[in-house]
Amino acid sequence: MRNPRSEVCWGTNTTHGGRAHVVLHGSGTGLCGQPVDTRYQDRPTARPVCPDCAISYVAAVFPTEVTAPDLRHEVRLRA
């Protein structure tokens, strides 16, 4: 089984600074599509993770299949 952590690194962008982006090895852009200027093996802890990169990474690593015709859930509350 492949280890998805070994296939990605972290990057930052000076133009759109402030966030750490998840970057595939060999790519110059984050999973969100933003270009990165600097790459890191470990996440730069002073920066929050880009939410678009995080969602793309989780969707790729933990794929799901919708088995129900819709995504509504029945919730019953007791008074």
C-alpha atoms as a PDB file:
ATOM      1  CA  MET A   1       0.000   0.000   0.000  1.00  0.00           C
ATOM      2  CA  ARG A   2       1.308   3.456  -0.910  1.00  0.00           C
ATOM      3  CA  ASN A   3       2.040   5.975   1.807  1.00  0.00           C
ATOM      4  CA  PRO A   4       0.401   9.258   0.674  1.00  0.00           C
ATOM      5  CA  ARG A   5       2.592  11.253   3.053  1.00  0.00           C
ATOM      6  CA  SER A   6       5.673  10.338   1.032  1.00  0.00           C
ATOM      7  CA  GLU A   7       4.090  11.731  -2.147  1.00  0.00           C
ATOM      8  CA  VAL A   8       3.512  15.263  -0.864  1.00  0.00           C
ATOM      9  CA  CYS A   9       5.483  18.088   0.673  1.00  0.00           C
ATOM     10  CA  TRP A  10       4.588  21.584   1.828  1.00  0.00           C
ATOM     11  CA  GLY A  11       4.990  24.906   0.073  1.00  0.00           C
ATOM     12  CA  THR A  12       4.455  28.597   0.634  1.00  0.00           C
ATOM     13  CA  ASN A  13       3.749  31.461  -1.709  1.00  0.00           C
ATOM     14  CA  THR A  14       5.013  34.993  -1.065  1.00  0.00           C
ATOM     15  CA  THR A  15       2.283  36.565  -3.203  1.00  0.00           C
ATOM     16  CA  HIS A  16      -0.553  34.806  -1.362  1.00  0.00           C
ATOM     17  CA  GLY A  17       1.366  34.387   1.898  1.00  0.00           C
ATOM     18  CA  GLY A  18       0.049  33.242   5.195  1.00  0.00           C
ATOM     19  CA  ARG A  19      -0.893  29.659   4.295  1.00  0.00           C
ATOM     20  CA  ALA A  20       0.962  26.392   3.946  1.00  0.00           C
ATOM     21  CA  HIS A  21      -0.011  24.485   0.799  1.00  0.00           C
ATOM     22  CA  VAL A  22       0.124  20.733   0.187  1.00  0.00           C
ATOM     23  CA  VAL A  23       2.248  20.097  -2.924  1.00  0.00           C
ATOM     24  CA  LEU A  24       2.770  16.894  -4.919  1.00  0.00           C
ATOM     25  CA  HIS A  25       6.438  16.063  -5.495  1.00  0.00           C
ATOM     26  CA  GLY A  26       7.478  17.346  -8.900  1.00  0.00           C
ATOM     27  CA  SER A  27       4.708  19.942  -9.020  1.00  0.00           C
ATOM     28  CA  GLY A  28       5.048  23.708  -8.724  1.00  0.00           C
ATOM     29  CA  THR A  29       1.526  24.284  -7.450  1.00  0.00           C
ATOM     30  CA  GLY A  30      -0.442  23.358  -4.358  1.00  0.00           C
ATOM     31  CA  LEU A  31      -3.415  21.041  -4.538  1.00  0.00           C
ATOM     32  CA  CYS A  32      -5.558  24.188  -4.541  1.00  0.00           C
ATOM     33  CA  GLY A  33      -3.892  25.438  -7.740  1.00  0.00           C
ATOM     34  CA  GLN A  34      -1.837  28.240  -6.157  1.00  0.00           C
ATOM     35  CA  PRO A  35       1.822  28.371  -7.253  1.00  0.00           C
ATOM     36  CA  VAL A  36       4.419  27.837  -4.522  1.00  0.00           C
ATOM     37  CA  ASP A  37       7.762  29.607  -4.237  1.00  0.00           C
ATOM     38  CA  THR A  38       9.366  27.658  -1.403  1.00  0.00           C
ATOM     39  CA  ARG A  39       9.071  23.945  -0.564  1.00  0.00           C
ATOM     40  CA  TYR A  40       9.434  22.196   2.796  1.00  0.00           C
ATOM     41  CA  GLN A  41       9.560  18.544   3.784  1.00  0.00           C
ATOM     42  CA  ASP A  42       7.611  19.292   6.979  1.00  0.00           C
ATOM     43  CA  ARG A  43       4.720  21.684   7.424  1.00  0.00           C
ATOM     44  CA  PRO A  44       5.734  25.232   8.357  1.00  0.00           C
ATOM     45  CA  THR A  45       3.993  25.401  11.730  1.00  0.00           C
ATOM     46  CA  ALA A  46       3.730  29.188  11.830  1.00  0.00           C
ATOM     47  CA  ARG A  47       1.262  29.127   8.933  1.00  0.00           C
ATOM     48  CA  PRO A  48      -2.266  27.674   8.842  1.00  0.00           C
ATOM     49  CA  VAL A  49      -2.977  24.962   6.279  1.00  0.00           C
ATOM     50  CA  CYS A  50      -4.748  26.087   3.118  1.00  0.00           C
ATOM     51  CA  PRO A  51      -8.326  24.773   3.478  1.00  0.00           C
ATOM     52  CA  ASP A  52      -8.649  23.963  -0.241  1.00  0.00           C
ATOM     53  CA  CYS A  53      -5.441  21.910  -0.150  1.00  0.00           C
ATOM     54  CA  ALA A  54      -6.609  20.112   2.995  1.00  0.00           C
ATOM     55  CA  ILE A  55      -9.949  19.145   1.465  1.00  0.00           C
ATOM     56  CA  SER A  56      -8.311  17.946  -1.766  1.00  0.00           C
ATOM     57  CA  TYR A  57      -5.769  15.876   0.171  1.00  0.00           C
ATOM     58  CA  VAL A  58      -8.362  14.217   2.416  1.00  0.00           C
ATOM     59  CA  ALA A  59     -10.635  13.491  -0.570  1.00  0.00           C
ATOM     60  CA  ALA A  60      -7.724  11.827  -2.420  1.00  0.00           C
ATOM     61  CA  VAL A  61      -6.455   9.801   0.550  1.00  0.00           C
ATOM     62  CA  PHE A  62      -9.863   8.763   1.892  1.00  0.00           C
ATOM     63  CA  PRO A  63     -12.132   8.357  -1.156  1.00  0.00           C
ATOM     64  CA  THR A  64     -15.760   7.641  -0.468  1.00  0.00           C
ATOM     65  CA  GLU A  65     -18.536   6.236  -2.556  1.00  0.00           C
ATOM     66  CA  VAL A  66     -22.078   7.439  -2.178  1.00  0.00           C
ATOM     67  CA  THR A  67     -24.314   4.402  -1.815  1.00  0.00           C
ATOM     68  CA  ALA A  68     -27.577   6.157  -0.947  1.00  0.00           C
ATOM     69  CA  PRO A  69     -29.578   7.995  -3.616  1.00  0.00           C
ATOM     70  CA  ASP A  70     -29.269  11.187  -1.564  1.00  0.00           C
ATOM     71  CA  LEU A  71     -27.238  12.480   1.345  1.00  0.00           C
ATOM     72  CA  ARG A  72     -30.127  13.312   3.679  1.00  0.00           C
ATOM     73  CA  HIS A  73     -30.010  11.766   7.127  1.00  0.00           C
ATOM     74  CA  GLU A  74     -32.922  11.154   9.411  1.00  0.00           C
ATOM     75  CA  VAL A  75     -32.444  12.744  12.803  1.00  0.00           C
ATOM     76  CA  ARG A  76     -34.823  12.141  15.664  1.00  0.00           C
ATOM     77  CA  LEU A  77     -34.658  14.289  18.750  1.00  0.00           C
ATOM     78  CA  ARG A  78     -36.184  13.319  22.041  1.00  0.00           C
ATOM     79  CA  ALA A  79     -37.857  16.038  24.073  1.00  0.00           C
END
